[in-house]
Amino acid sequence: MTGMIRWILGTGIAAFVTFFLFIAMMLLIKGKFELQEKPEKLSFEVNAKIEDPKVTRKDVKVSKVRRVETPPPPPMIERQQAAQPTVAIASLEGAIPDFTTPRLDRQNFKIAVSDRDAQPLVRIPPISPPRFLAGDRSGHCFVRFDVSVEGQPYNVDTTFCTMSILKRATIRSVQKWKYNPKIVDGRAVSRKGVESKIIYRLMDERGNLLPE
């Protein structure tokens, strides 16, 4: 009896579920079916050919070519200047008498000047040669010359140089010096055999004096 009741209840429930599913399927099918539009056909080309751009050539005609002369190079100027010597560069032979105030001769109204040796007024420092500046040691030169009555050195020559490249610079420097001429009996006379020593100094990167 109990089994019969369970079968009836199970059959009823199954029939209800089946009916519900049937109704749901009908509702889904009842909707309007619309066809979707087909997408446009897409196409592309691999390694497409590109046309070469057109190049317009413009011909330029030169009527006349003017020749330009190359200017000469600028003159070389010596820019390097030697340092001022720290010691006296003039060494005169014999004692130099002290200069005294001129005394007035009241009878003849003449001014008498006491005798004196030639005295340096202007000393132009030498210009060191580039080869010497590129070296690694200092140097010096002994020079001998005469002084004219105008106080101008002449017959300038070196008697000894630690480097031969310093000889020309030494002579050119002394030739530009200026002296007070030698006075004898109140008259200017030439002075023979004046000797001087010119020292060329080089410094290292730390400012230390390089030996000769």
N, C-alpha and C. Protein backbone atom coordinates (compact mmCIF):
# COMPACT_ATOMS: atom_id res chain seq x y z
N MET A 1 0.84 -1.20 0.00
CA MET A 1 0.00 0.00 0.00
C MET A 1 0.87 1.24 0.00
N THR A 2 1.89 1.23 0.91
CA THR A 2 2.81 2.37 0.99
C THR A 2 3.58 2.53 -0.32
N GLY A 3 3.99 1.46 -0.94
CA GLY A 3 4.72 1.53 -2.20
C GLY A 3 3.88 2.12 -3.32
N MET A 4 2.60 1.78 -3.29
CA MET A 4 1.70 2.32 -4.31
C MET A 4 1.59 3.83 -4.19
N ILE A 5 1.51 4.31 -2.94
CA ILE A 5 1.37 5.79 -2.72
C ILE A 5 2.64 6.50 -3.22
N ARG A 6 3.80 5.92 -2.91
CA ARG A 6 5.05 6.56 -3.36
C ARG A 6 5.13 6.61 -4.89
N TRP A 7 4.68 5.57 -5.52
CA TRP A 7 4.73 5.55 -6.99
C TRP A 7 3.84 6.61 -7.58
N ILE A 8 2.61 6.78 -6.98
CA ILE A 8 1.67 7.80 -7.49
C ILE A 8 2.25 9.19 -7.31
N LEU A 9 2.82 9.44 -6.12
CA LEU A 9 3.40 10.77 -5.87
C LEU A 9 4.58 11.03 -6.81
N GLY A 10 5.44 10.04 -7.02
CA GLY A 10 6.59 10.23 -7.90
C GLY A 10 6.15 10.46 -9.32
N THR A 11 5.08 9.72 -9.73
CA THR A 11 4.61 9.91 -11.10
C THR A 11 4.03 11.30 -11.29
N GLY A 12 3.30 11.79 -10.27
CA GLY A 12 2.70 13.13 -10.38
C GLY A 12 3.77 14.23 -10.46
N ILE A 13 4.77 14.06 -9.59
CA ILE A 13 5.84 15.07 -9.61
C ILE A 13 6.58 15.05 -10.93
N ALA A 14 6.86 13.87 -11.47
CA ALA A 14 7.55 13.77 -12.75
C ALA A 14 6.73 14.37 -13.87
N ALA A 15 5.41 14.14 -13.81
CA ALA A 15 4.55 14.70 -14.84
C ALA A 15 4.53 16.23 -14.75
N PHE A 16 4.55 16.78 -13.55
CA PHE A 16 4.54 18.24 -13.37
C PHE A 16 5.83 18.86 -13.90
N VAL A 17 6.95 18.23 -13.60
CA VAL A 17 8.24 18.76 -14.07
C VAL A 17 8.30 18.69 -15.59
N THR A 18 7.81 17.58 -16.15
CA THR A 18 7.85 17.44 -17.61
C THR A 18 6.98 18.50 -18.26
N PHE A 19 5.82 18.79 -17.69
CA PHE A 19 4.94 19.80 -18.25
C PHE A 19 5.56 21.19 -18.17
N PHE A 20 6.24 21.44 -17.05
CA PHE A 20 6.87 22.77 -16.89
C PHE A 20 7.97 22.95 -17.91
N LEU A 21 8.79 21.95 -18.15
CA LEU A 21 9.85 22.04 -19.14
C LEU A 21 9.28 22.20 -20.54
N PHE A 22 8.17 21.54 -20.82
CA PHE A 22 7.54 21.65 -22.13
C PHE A 22 7.07 23.07 -22.38
N ILE A 23 6.43 23.67 -21.35
CA ILE A 23 5.96 25.05 -21.50
C ILE A 23 7.15 26.00 -21.73
N ALA A 24 8.26 25.81 -20.97
CA ALA A 24 9.41 26.68 -21.12
C ALA A 24 10.03 26.58 -22.50
N MET A 25 10.09 25.38 -23.09
CA MET A 25 10.64 25.20 -24.42
C MET A 25 9.76 25.88 -25.46
N MET A 26 8.47 25.84 -25.28
CA MET A 26 7.57 26.49 -26.23
C MET A 26 7.77 28.00 -26.21
N LEU A 27 7.95 28.54 -25.00
CA LEU A 27 8.16 29.99 -24.91
C LEU A 27 9.46 30.41 -25.60
N LEU A 28 10.49 29.60 -25.49
CA LEU A 28 11.74 29.93 -26.14
C LEU A 28 11.65 29.83 -27.65
N ILE A 29 10.96 28.83 -28.12
CA ILE A 29 10.83 28.64 -29.57
C ILE A 29 9.92 29.69 -30.17
N LYS A 30 8.96 30.17 -29.41
CA LYS A 30 7.99 31.14 -29.90
C LYS A 30 8.64 32.47 -30.28
N GLY A 31 9.84 32.84 -29.74
CA GLY A 31 10.50 34.11 -30.06
C GLY A 31 10.86 34.22 -31.52
N LYS A 32 10.92 35.48 -32.06
CA LYS A 32 11.18 35.73 -33.47
C LYS A 32 12.66 35.53 -33.77
N PHE A 33 12.95 34.75 -34.77
CA PHE A 33 14.32 34.46 -35.17
C PHE A 33 14.73 35.45 -36.25
N GLU A 34 15.87 36.15 -36.04
CA GLU A 34 16.40 37.12 -37.00
C GLU A 34 17.78 36.68 -37.44
N LEU A 35 17.97 36.73 -38.76
CA LEU A 35 19.29 36.39 -39.30
C LEU A 35 20.25 37.56 -39.12
N GLN A 36 21.48 37.29 -38.72
CA GLN A 36 22.50 38.31 -38.57
C GLN A 36 23.16 38.60 -39.91
N GLU A 37 23.48 39.88 -40.10
CA GLU A 37 24.14 40.27 -41.34
C GLU A 37 25.56 39.73 -41.40
N LYS A 38 25.92 39.30 -42.59
CA LYS A 38 27.26 38.78 -42.77
C LYS A 38 28.27 39.93 -42.78
N PRO A 39 29.37 39.77 -42.10
CA PRO A 39 30.39 40.84 -42.11
C PRO A 39 30.99 41.00 -43.50
N GLU A 40 31.41 42.25 -43.75
CA GLU A 40 32.04 42.51 -45.05
C GLU A 40 33.34 41.71 -45.18
N LYS A 41 33.60 41.32 -46.36
CA LYS A 41 34.80 40.54 -46.65
C LYS A 41 36.01 41.44 -46.61
N LEU A 42 36.92 41.11 -45.72
CA LEU A 42 38.15 41.90 -45.58
C LEU A 42 39.27 41.23 -46.35
N SER A 43 40.08 42.06 -46.98
CA SER A 43 41.21 41.54 -47.75
C SER A 43 42.39 42.49 -47.61
N PHE A 44 43.56 41.98 -47.65
CA PHE A 44 44.76 42.80 -47.63
C PHE A 44 45.82 42.12 -48.47
N GLU A 45 46.77 42.96 -48.95
CA GLU A 45 47.79 42.50 -49.88
C GLU A 45 49.14 42.52 -49.19
N VAL A 46 49.86 41.44 -49.29
CA VAL A 46 51.18 41.33 -48.71
C VAL A 46 52.21 41.76 -49.75
N ASN A 47 53.23 42.56 -49.25
CA ASN A 47 54.28 43.06 -50.14
C ASN A 47 53.69 43.89 -51.28
N ALA A 48 52.89 44.85 -50.88
CA ALA A 48 52.27 45.71 -51.88
C ALA A 48 53.34 46.51 -52.62
N LYS A 49 53.14 46.81 -53.85
CA LYS A 49 54.08 47.54 -54.67
C LYS A 49 53.88 49.04 -54.46
N ILE A 50 54.96 49.72 -54.14
CA ILE A 50 54.90 51.16 -53.89
C ILE A 50 55.57 51.85 -55.06
N GLU A 51 54.89 52.81 -55.60
CA GLU A 51 55.44 53.54 -56.74
C GLU A 51 56.56 54.48 -56.28
N ASP A 52 57.61 54.53 -57.06
CA ASP A 52 58.72 55.42 -56.74
C ASP A 52 58.30 56.87 -56.93
N PRO A 53 58.68 57.73 -55.97
CA PRO A 53 58.32 59.15 -56.13
C PRO A 53 59.09 59.78 -57.29
N LYS A 54 58.47 60.73 -57.90
CA LYS A 54 59.09 61.40 -59.02
C LYS A 54 60.02 62.50 -58.52
N VAL A 55 61.25 62.48 -58.99
CA VAL A 55 62.25 63.46 -58.59
C VAL A 55 62.42 64.45 -59.73
N THR A 56 62.25 65.71 -59.36
CA THR A 56 62.40 66.78 -60.36
C THR A 56 63.83 67.31 -60.31
N ARG A 57 64.53 67.25 -61.37
CA ARG A 57 65.91 67.73 -61.44
C ARG A 57 65.93 69.12 -62.06
N LYS A 58 66.65 69.99 -61.33
CA LYS A 58 66.75 71.38 -61.79
C LYS A 58 68.19 71.65 -62.21
N ASP A 59 68.35 71.99 -63.43
CA ASP A 59 69.69 72.28 -63.96
C ASP A 59 70.05 73.73 -63.68
N VAL A 60 71.21 73.91 -63.05
CA VAL A 60 71.70 75.26 -62.73
C VAL A 60 72.93 75.52 -63.59
N LYS A 61 72.88 76.57 -64.31
CA LYS A 61 73.99 76.93 -65.16
C LYS A 61 74.77 78.08 -64.54
N VAL A 62 76.07 77.90 -64.44
CA VAL A 62 76.94 78.94 -63.89
C VAL A 62 77.48 79.76 -65.05
N SER A 63 77.17 81.04 -64.98
CA SER A 63 77.59 81.88 -66.10
C SER A 63 79.10 82.14 -66.09
N LYS A 64 79.64 82.44 -64.87
CA LYS A 64 81.06 82.77 -64.80
C LYS A 64 81.59 82.43 -63.42
N VAL A 65 82.72 81.79 -63.36
CA VAL A 65 83.34 81.42 -62.09
C VAL A 65 84.49 82.39 -61.82
N ARG A 66 84.41 83.04 -60.66
CA ARG A 66 85.45 84.00 -60.30
C ARG A 66 86.52 83.32 -59.47
N ARG A 67 87.72 83.49 -59.81
CA ARG A 67 88.85 82.88 -59.10
C ARG A 67 89.22 83.73 -57.89
N VAL A 68 89.28 83.09 -56.73
CA VAL A 68 89.60 83.79 -55.48
C VAL A 68 91.00 83.39 -55.06
N GLU A 69 91.84 84.37 -54.82
CA GLU A 69 93.20 84.10 -54.39
C GLU A 69 93.24 83.87 -52.89
N THR A 70 93.95 82.83 -52.49
CA THR A 70 94.08 82.51 -51.07
C THR A 70 95.01 83.52 -50.40
N PRO A 71 94.55 84.16 -49.30
CA PRO A 71 95.41 85.15 -48.65
C PRO A 71 96.62 84.48 -48.00
N PRO A 72 97.71 85.18 -47.86
CA PRO A 72 98.90 84.58 -47.23
C PRO A 72 98.67 84.33 -45.76
N PRO A 73 99.36 83.37 -45.17
CA PRO A 73 99.19 83.09 -43.74
C PRO A 73 99.70 84.26 -42.90
N PRO A 74 99.14 84.44 -41.70
CA PRO A 74 99.60 85.54 -40.85
C PRO A 74 101.04 85.33 -40.41
N PRO A 75 101.77 86.39 -40.14
CA PRO A 75 103.17 86.24 -39.71
C PRO A 75 103.25 85.61 -38.33
N MET A 76 104.33 84.89 -38.11
CA MET A 76 104.57 84.27 -36.82
C MET A 76 105.10 85.33 -35.85
N ILE A 77 104.50 85.37 -34.69
CA ILE A 77 104.89 86.33 -33.67
C ILE A 77 105.36 85.57 -32.44
N GLU A 78 106.48 85.96 -31.93
CA GLU A 78 106.99 85.33 -30.72
C GLU A 78 106.17 85.82 -29.54
N ARG A 79 105.47 84.90 -28.89
CA ARG A 79 104.59 85.25 -27.78
C ARG A 79 105.17 84.89 -26.42
N GLN A 80 106.09 83.92 -26.41
CA GLN A 80 106.63 83.47 -25.14
C GLN A 80 107.67 84.46 -24.63
N GLN A 81 107.55 84.85 -23.39
CA GLN A 81 108.48 85.79 -22.78
C GLN A 81 109.11 85.15 -21.57
N ALA A 82 110.42 85.28 -21.47
CA ALA A 82 111.14 84.67 -20.35
C ALA A 82 110.84 85.42 -19.06
N ALA A 83 110.97 84.71 -17.97
CA ALA A 83 110.76 85.32 -16.67
C ALA A 83 111.88 86.30 -16.36
N GLN A 84 111.55 87.32 -15.57
CA GLN A 84 112.55 88.30 -15.19
C GLN A 84 113.62 87.65 -14.32
N PRO A 85 114.92 87.82 -14.63
CA PRO A 85 115.97 87.22 -13.79
C PRO A 85 115.91 87.76 -12.37
N THR A 86 116.15 86.87 -11.43
CA THR A 86 116.11 87.27 -10.02
C THR A 86 117.41 87.86 -9.53
N VAL A 87 118.48 87.69 -10.32
CA VAL A 87 119.77 88.27 -9.95
C VAL A 87 120.18 89.27 -11.02
N ALA A 88 121.12 90.10 -10.70
CA ALA A 88 121.57 91.11 -11.64
C ALA A 88 122.18 90.45 -12.86
N ILE A 89 121.80 90.90 -14.02
CA ILE A 89 122.28 90.29 -15.25
C ILE A 89 123.43 91.08 -15.87
N ALA A 90 123.79 92.19 -15.24
CA ALA A 90 124.92 92.96 -15.75
C ALA A 90 126.07 92.88 -14.76
N SER A 91 127.22 92.53 -15.28
CA SER A 91 128.43 92.47 -14.46
C SER A 91 129.52 93.24 -15.17
N LEU A 92 129.83 94.42 -14.68
CA LEU A 92 130.81 95.30 -15.32
C LEU A 92 132.18 95.12 -14.68
N GLU A 93 133.18 95.19 -15.51
CA GLU A 93 134.53 95.05 -14.99
C GLU A 93 134.95 96.34 -14.27
N GLY A 94 135.64 96.17 -13.17
CA GLY A 94 136.13 97.33 -12.43
C GLY A 94 135.06 97.93 -11.55
N ALA A 95 135.46 98.78 -10.66
CA ALA A 95 134.54 99.44 -9.75
C ALA A 95 133.85 100.59 -10.46
N ILE A 96 132.55 100.77 -10.14
CA ILE A 96 131.78 101.85 -10.71
C ILE A 96 131.79 103.02 -9.74
N PRO A 97 132.39 104.16 -10.10
CA PRO A 97 132.43 105.30 -9.16
C PRO A 97 131.04 105.83 -8.90
N ASP A 98 130.83 106.34 -7.74
CA ASP A 98 129.55 106.93 -7.37
C ASP A 98 129.33 108.21 -8.15
N PHE A 99 128.08 108.41 -8.53
CA PHE A 99 127.73 109.62 -9.27
C PHE A 99 127.53 110.77 -8.28
N THR A 100 128.20 111.85 -8.55
CA THR A 100 128.11 113.03 -7.68
C THR A 100 127.38 114.15 -8.39
N THR A 101 126.89 115.06 -7.63
CA THR A 101 126.15 116.19 -8.19
C THR A 101 127.08 117.08 -9.00
N PRO A 102 126.69 117.45 -10.21
CA PRO A 102 127.56 118.34 -11.02
C PRO A 102 127.86 119.64 -10.26
N ARG A 103 129.11 120.06 -10.40
CA ARG A 103 129.51 121.32 -9.74
C ARG A 103 129.60 122.45 -10.78
N LEU A 104 129.20 123.61 -10.37
CA LEU A 104 129.14 124.76 -11.26
C LEU A 104 130.45 125.54 -11.21
N ASP A 105 131.07 125.72 -12.38
CA ASP A 105 132.27 126.54 -12.50
C ASP A 105 131.82 127.98 -12.73
N ARG A 106 131.87 128.79 -11.70
CA ARG A 106 131.35 130.15 -11.80
C ARG A 106 132.15 131.03 -12.75
N GLN A 107 133.41 130.73 -12.95
CA GLN A 107 134.23 131.58 -13.82
C GLN A 107 133.89 131.34 -15.29
N ASN A 108 133.80 130.05 -15.69
CA ASN A 108 133.55 129.74 -17.10
C ASN A 108 132.10 129.33 -17.35
N PHE A 109 131.31 129.27 -16.29
CA PHE A 109 129.91 128.87 -16.40
C PHE A 109 129.77 127.54 -17.16
N LYS A 110 130.58 126.58 -16.80
CA LYS A 110 130.53 125.25 -17.39
C LYS A 110 130.16 124.24 -16.31
N ILE A 111 129.45 123.22 -16.71
CA ILE A 111 129.06 122.16 -15.79
C ILE A 111 130.00 120.98 -16.00
N ALA A 112 130.65 120.58 -14.97
CA ALA A 112 131.59 119.46 -15.05
C ALA A 112 130.96 118.24 -14.39
N VAL A 113 130.97 117.12 -15.09
CA VAL A 113 130.41 115.87 -14.59
C VAL A 113 131.54 114.93 -14.27
N SER A 114 131.48 114.32 -13.09
CA SER A 114 132.55 113.40 -12.70
C SER A 114 132.54 112.16 -13.58
N ASP A 115 133.71 111.54 -13.67
CA ASP A 115 133.82 110.33 -14.49
C ASP A 115 132.95 109.21 -13.92
N ARG A 116 132.46 108.38 -14.83
CA ARG A 116 131.67 107.21 -14.42
C ARG A 116 131.74 106.16 -15.50
N ASP A 117 131.49 104.96 -15.08
CA ASP A 117 131.46 103.85 -16.05
C ASP A 117 130.06 103.78 -16.67
N ALA A 118 129.93 102.99 -17.71
CA ALA A 118 128.62 102.81 -18.35
C ALA A 118 127.65 102.16 -17.35
N GLN A 119 126.43 102.69 -17.33
CA GLN A 119 125.43 102.22 -16.38
C GLN A 119 124.18 101.76 -17.14
N PRO A 120 123.67 100.58 -16.81
CA PRO A 120 122.48 100.07 -17.52
C PRO A 120 121.23 100.86 -17.16
N LEU A 121 120.43 101.17 -18.17
CA LEU A 121 119.15 101.85 -17.99
C LEU A 121 117.97 100.93 -18.27
N VAL A 122 117.99 100.25 -19.41
CA VAL A 122 116.88 99.38 -19.84
C VAL A 122 117.46 98.02 -20.18
N ARG A 123 116.85 96.97 -19.63
CA ARG A 123 117.25 95.59 -19.93
C ARG A 123 116.02 94.83 -20.42
N ILE A 124 116.01 94.48 -21.66
CA ILE A 124 114.90 93.73 -22.24
C ILE A 124 115.13 92.24 -21.97
N PRO A 125 114.21 91.58 -21.27
CA PRO A 125 114.41 90.14 -21.01
C PRO A 125 114.35 89.34 -22.30
N PRO A 126 115.08 88.26 -22.38
CA PRO A 126 115.09 87.45 -23.61
C PRO A 126 113.81 86.65 -23.76
N ILE A 127 113.51 86.30 -25.00
CA ILE A 127 112.38 85.43 -25.32
C ILE A 127 112.92 84.01 -25.46
N SER A 128 112.49 83.13 -24.58
CA SER A 128 113.01 81.76 -24.58
C SER A 128 112.57 81.02 -25.83
N PRO A 129 113.45 80.29 -26.49
CA PRO A 129 113.07 79.51 -27.68
C PRO A 129 112.08 78.40 -27.30
N PRO A 130 111.17 78.04 -28.22
CA PRO A 130 110.22 76.96 -27.93
C PRO A 130 110.90 75.64 -27.59
N ARG A 131 112.03 75.33 -28.25
CA ARG A 131 112.73 74.07 -27.96
C ARG A 131 113.25 74.05 -26.52
N PHE A 132 113.68 75.21 -26.03
CA PHE A 132 114.14 75.28 -24.65
C PHE A 132 112.98 75.11 -23.68
N LEU A 133 111.84 75.72 -23.97
CA LEU A 133 110.67 75.61 -23.08
C LEU A 133 110.15 74.18 -23.03
N ALA A 134 110.39 73.41 -24.09
CA ALA A 134 109.94 72.01 -24.11
C ALA A 134 110.93 71.08 -23.42
N GLY A 135 112.05 71.62 -22.95
CA GLY A 135 113.06 70.78 -22.31
C GLY A 135 112.78 70.54 -20.84
N ASP A 136 113.79 69.99 -20.17
CA ASP A 136 113.62 69.60 -18.77
C ASP A 136 114.73 70.17 -17.88
N ARG A 137 115.43 71.22 -18.31
CA ARG A 137 116.46 71.81 -17.47
C ARG A 137 116.65 73.29 -17.81
N SER A 138 117.10 74.05 -16.83
CA SER A 138 117.35 75.48 -17.01
C SER A 138 118.69 75.68 -17.72
N GLY A 139 119.05 76.96 -17.96
CA GLY A 139 120.31 77.25 -18.64
C GLY A 139 120.72 78.69 -18.43
N HIS A 140 121.90 79.05 -18.97
CA HIS A 140 122.38 80.42 -18.89
C HIS A 140 123.38 80.67 -20.01
N CYS A 141 123.65 81.96 -20.23
CA CYS A 141 124.62 82.38 -21.24
C CYS A 141 125.46 83.53 -20.69
N PHE A 142 126.78 83.52 -21.00
CA PHE A 142 127.64 84.65 -20.74
C PHE A 142 127.77 85.44 -22.04
N VAL A 143 127.59 86.75 -21.95
CA VAL A 143 127.61 87.59 -23.14
C VAL A 143 128.62 88.72 -22.94
N ARG A 144 129.25 89.13 -24.02
CA ARG A 144 130.24 90.21 -23.99
C ARG A 144 129.91 91.18 -25.12
N PHE A 145 129.99 92.50 -24.81
CA PHE A 145 129.62 93.50 -25.81
C PHE A 145 130.27 94.84 -25.46
N ASP A 146 130.17 95.78 -26.39
CA ASP A 146 130.65 97.15 -26.20
C ASP A 146 129.45 98.09 -26.14
N VAL A 147 129.65 99.26 -25.52
CA VAL A 147 128.60 100.27 -25.40
C VAL A 147 129.08 101.54 -26.09
N SER A 148 128.28 102.04 -27.02
CA SER A 148 128.64 103.24 -27.77
C SER A 148 128.45 104.50 -26.93
N VAL A 149 128.85 105.64 -27.49
CA VAL A 149 128.69 106.92 -26.79
C VAL A 149 127.21 107.28 -26.64
N GLU A 150 126.34 106.67 -27.45
CA GLU A 150 124.89 106.89 -27.31
C GLU A 150 124.26 105.92 -26.32
N GLY A 151 125.06 105.03 -25.75
CA GLY A 151 124.53 104.07 -24.79
C GLY A 151 123.92 102.84 -25.43
N GLN A 152 124.27 102.55 -26.67
CA GLN A 152 123.71 101.41 -27.39
C GLN A 152 124.72 100.27 -27.46
N PRO A 153 124.35 99.04 -27.02
CA PRO A 153 125.28 97.90 -27.13
C PRO A 153 125.55 97.54 -28.59
N TYR A 154 126.79 97.15 -28.89
CA TYR A 154 127.15 96.66 -30.22
C TYR A 154 128.29 95.65 -30.05
N ASN A 155 128.60 94.96 -31.14
CA ASN A 155 129.57 93.86 -31.09
C ASN A 155 129.14 92.82 -30.05
N VAL A 156 127.85 92.51 -30.02
CA VAL A 156 127.31 91.58 -29.02
C VAL A 156 127.62 90.15 -29.45
N ASP A 157 128.15 89.36 -28.51
CA ASP A 157 128.44 87.96 -28.80
C ASP A 157 128.44 87.19 -27.48
N THR A 158 128.15 85.92 -27.57
CA THR A 158 128.16 85.07 -26.38
C THR A 158 129.52 84.40 -26.24
N THR A 159 130.00 84.30 -25.01
CA THR A 159 131.26 83.62 -24.75
C THR A 159 131.04 82.18 -24.29
N PHE A 160 129.87 81.90 -23.73
CA PHE A 160 129.55 80.53 -23.31
C PHE A 160 128.03 80.44 -23.09
N CYS A 161 127.46 79.31 -23.55
CA CYS A 161 126.04 79.01 -23.32
C CYS A 161 125.92 77.54 -22.97
N THR A 162 125.09 77.25 -21.98
CA THR A 162 124.85 75.84 -21.62
C THR A 162 124.14 75.09 -22.73
N MET A 163 123.38 75.82 -23.57
CA MET A 163 122.69 75.23 -24.71
C MET A 163 122.87 76.16 -25.90
N SER A 164 123.16 75.60 -27.04
CA SER A 164 123.39 76.43 -28.23
C SER A 164 122.12 77.15 -28.68
N ILE A 165 120.95 76.58 -28.34
CA ILE A 165 119.70 77.21 -28.78
C ILE A 165 119.43 78.52 -28.05
N LEU A 166 120.18 78.82 -26.98
CA LEU A 166 119.98 80.06 -26.23
C LEU A 166 120.82 81.21 -26.77
N LYS A 167 121.76 80.94 -27.66
CA LYS A 167 122.69 81.98 -28.12
C LYS A 167 121.96 83.09 -28.87
N ARG A 168 121.13 82.74 -29.83
CA ARG A 168 120.46 83.75 -30.64
C ARG A 168 119.53 84.62 -29.80
N ALA A 169 118.77 84.00 -28.89
CA ALA A 169 117.86 84.77 -28.05
C ALA A 169 118.61 85.73 -27.14
N THR A 170 119.78 85.31 -26.66
CA THR A 170 120.59 86.17 -25.79
C THR A 170 121.10 87.39 -26.54
N ILE A 171 121.63 87.20 -27.73
CA ILE A 171 122.17 88.31 -28.52
C ILE A 171 121.06 89.30 -28.89
N ARG A 172 119.92 88.80 -29.32
CA ARG A 172 118.82 89.68 -29.71
C ARG A 172 118.31 90.47 -28.51
N SER A 173 118.36 89.87 -27.32
CA SER A 173 117.90 90.58 -26.14
C SER A 173 118.86 91.71 -25.77
N VAL A 174 120.16 91.44 -25.74
CA VAL A 174 121.15 92.44 -25.34
C VAL A 174 121.18 93.60 -26.33
N GLN A 175 120.95 93.33 -27.61
CA GLN A 175 120.97 94.40 -28.61
C GLN A 175 119.87 95.44 -28.37
N LYS A 176 118.86 95.10 -27.57
CA LYS A 176 117.78 96.04 -27.27
C LYS A 176 118.00 96.79 -25.96
N TRP A 177 119.08 96.49 -25.25
CA TRP A 177 119.34 97.18 -23.99
C TRP A 177 119.74 98.63 -24.23
N LYS A 178 119.68 99.42 -23.14
CA LYS A 178 120.05 100.82 -23.20
C LYS A 178 120.90 101.16 -21.99
N TYR A 179 122.01 101.94 -22.22
CA TYR A 179 122.96 102.28 -21.17
C TYR A 179 123.16 103.80 -21.10
N ASN A 180 123.53 104.23 -19.91
CA ASN A 180 124.16 105.55 -19.77
C ASN A 180 125.61 105.40 -20.21
N PRO A 181 126.09 106.18 -21.15
CA PRO A 181 127.45 105.97 -21.66
C PRO A 181 128.51 106.26 -20.59
N LYS A 182 129.67 105.77 -20.84
CA LYS A 182 130.80 106.01 -19.95
C LYS A 182 131.26 107.46 -20.08
N ILE A 183 131.58 108.10 -18.96
CA ILE A 183 132.01 109.49 -18.94
C ILE A 183 133.49 109.55 -18.53
N VAL A 184 134.29 110.20 -19.34
CA VAL A 184 135.71 110.44 -19.05
C VAL A 184 136.00 111.91 -19.32
N ASP A 185 136.48 112.60 -18.29
CA ASP A 185 136.79 114.03 -18.40
C ASP A 185 135.57 114.83 -18.89
N GLY A 186 134.41 114.43 -18.41
CA GLY A 186 133.19 115.16 -18.76
C GLY A 186 132.63 114.85 -20.13
N ARG A 187 133.21 113.89 -20.86
CA ARG A 187 132.74 113.56 -22.21
C ARG A 187 132.32 112.08 -22.26
N ALA A 188 131.30 111.79 -23.06
CA ALA A 188 130.83 110.41 -23.26
C ALA A 188 131.77 109.69 -24.20
N VAL A 189 132.20 108.53 -23.79
CA VAL A 189 133.08 107.70 -24.62
C VAL A 189 132.51 106.30 -24.67
N SER A 190 133.01 105.52 -25.62
CA SER A 190 132.55 104.14 -25.73
C SER A 190 133.16 103.28 -24.63
N ARG A 191 132.45 102.25 -24.28
CA ARG A 191 132.88 101.32 -23.22
C ARG A 191 133.11 99.96 -23.85
N LYS A 192 134.28 99.40 -23.67
CA LYS A 192 134.64 98.13 -24.27
C LYS A 192 134.54 97.01 -23.24
N GLY A 193 134.17 95.83 -23.73
CA GLY A 193 134.26 94.63 -22.92
C GLY A 193 133.29 94.53 -21.75
N VAL A 194 132.05 94.95 -21.92
CA VAL A 194 131.05 94.77 -20.87
C VAL A 194 130.59 93.31 -20.90
N GLU A 195 130.53 92.67 -19.74
CA GLU A 195 130.13 91.27 -19.65
C GLU A 195 128.90 91.12 -18.75
N SER A 196 128.04 90.23 -19.14
CA SER A 196 126.81 89.95 -18.38
C SER A 196 126.50 88.47 -18.45
N LYS A 197 125.69 88.04 -17.52
CA LYS A 197 125.22 86.67 -17.49
C LYS A 197 123.69 86.68 -17.51
N ILE A 198 123.11 85.96 -18.45
CA ILE A 198 121.66 85.87 -18.58
C ILE A 198 121.25 84.45 -18.23
N ILE A 199 120.33 84.34 -17.28
CA ILE A 199 119.89 83.04 -16.78
C ILE A 199 118.50 82.74 -17.33
N TYR A 200 118.33 81.54 -17.84
CA TYR A 200 117.04 81.05 -18.32
C TYR A 200 116.54 80.01 -17.32
N ARG A 201 115.41 80.28 -16.73
CA ARG A 201 114.88 79.39 -15.69
C ARG A 201 113.64 78.66 -16.20
N LEU A 202 113.54 77.37 -15.84
CA LEU A 202 112.37 76.56 -16.15
C LEU A 202 111.82 75.98 -14.85
N MET A 203 110.49 75.91 -14.78
CA MET A 203 109.82 75.36 -13.61
C MET A 203 109.08 74.08 -14.00
N ASP A 204 108.99 73.15 -13.04
CA ASP A 204 108.21 71.95 -13.29
C ASP A 204 106.74 72.23 -12.98
N GLU A 205 105.91 71.17 -13.03
CA GLU A 205 104.47 71.34 -12.81
C GLU A 205 104.15 71.81 -11.40
N ARG A 206 105.02 71.54 -10.46
CA ARG A 206 104.79 71.95 -9.07
C ARG A 206 105.39 73.32 -8.76
N GLY A 207 106.00 73.96 -9.75
CA GLY A 207 106.59 75.27 -9.53
C GLY A 207 108.00 75.23 -9.01
N ASN A 208 108.63 74.07 -9.02
CA ASN A 208 110.01 73.96 -8.55
C ASN A 208 110.99 74.27 -9.70
N LEU A 209 112.09 74.95 -9.36
CA LEU A 209 113.08 75.32 -10.36
C LEU A 209 113.82 74.08 -10.84
N LEU A 210 113.91 73.92 -12.15
CA LEU A 210 114.64 72.80 -12.73
C LEU A 210 116.13 73.12 -12.77
N PRO A 211 116.98 72.18 -12.42
CA PRO A 211 118.44 72.45 -12.42
C PRO A 211 118.95 72.59 -13.84
N GLU A 212 120.16 73.17 -13.94
CA GLU A 212 120.79 73.32 -15.24
C GLU A 212 121.50 72.02 -15.63
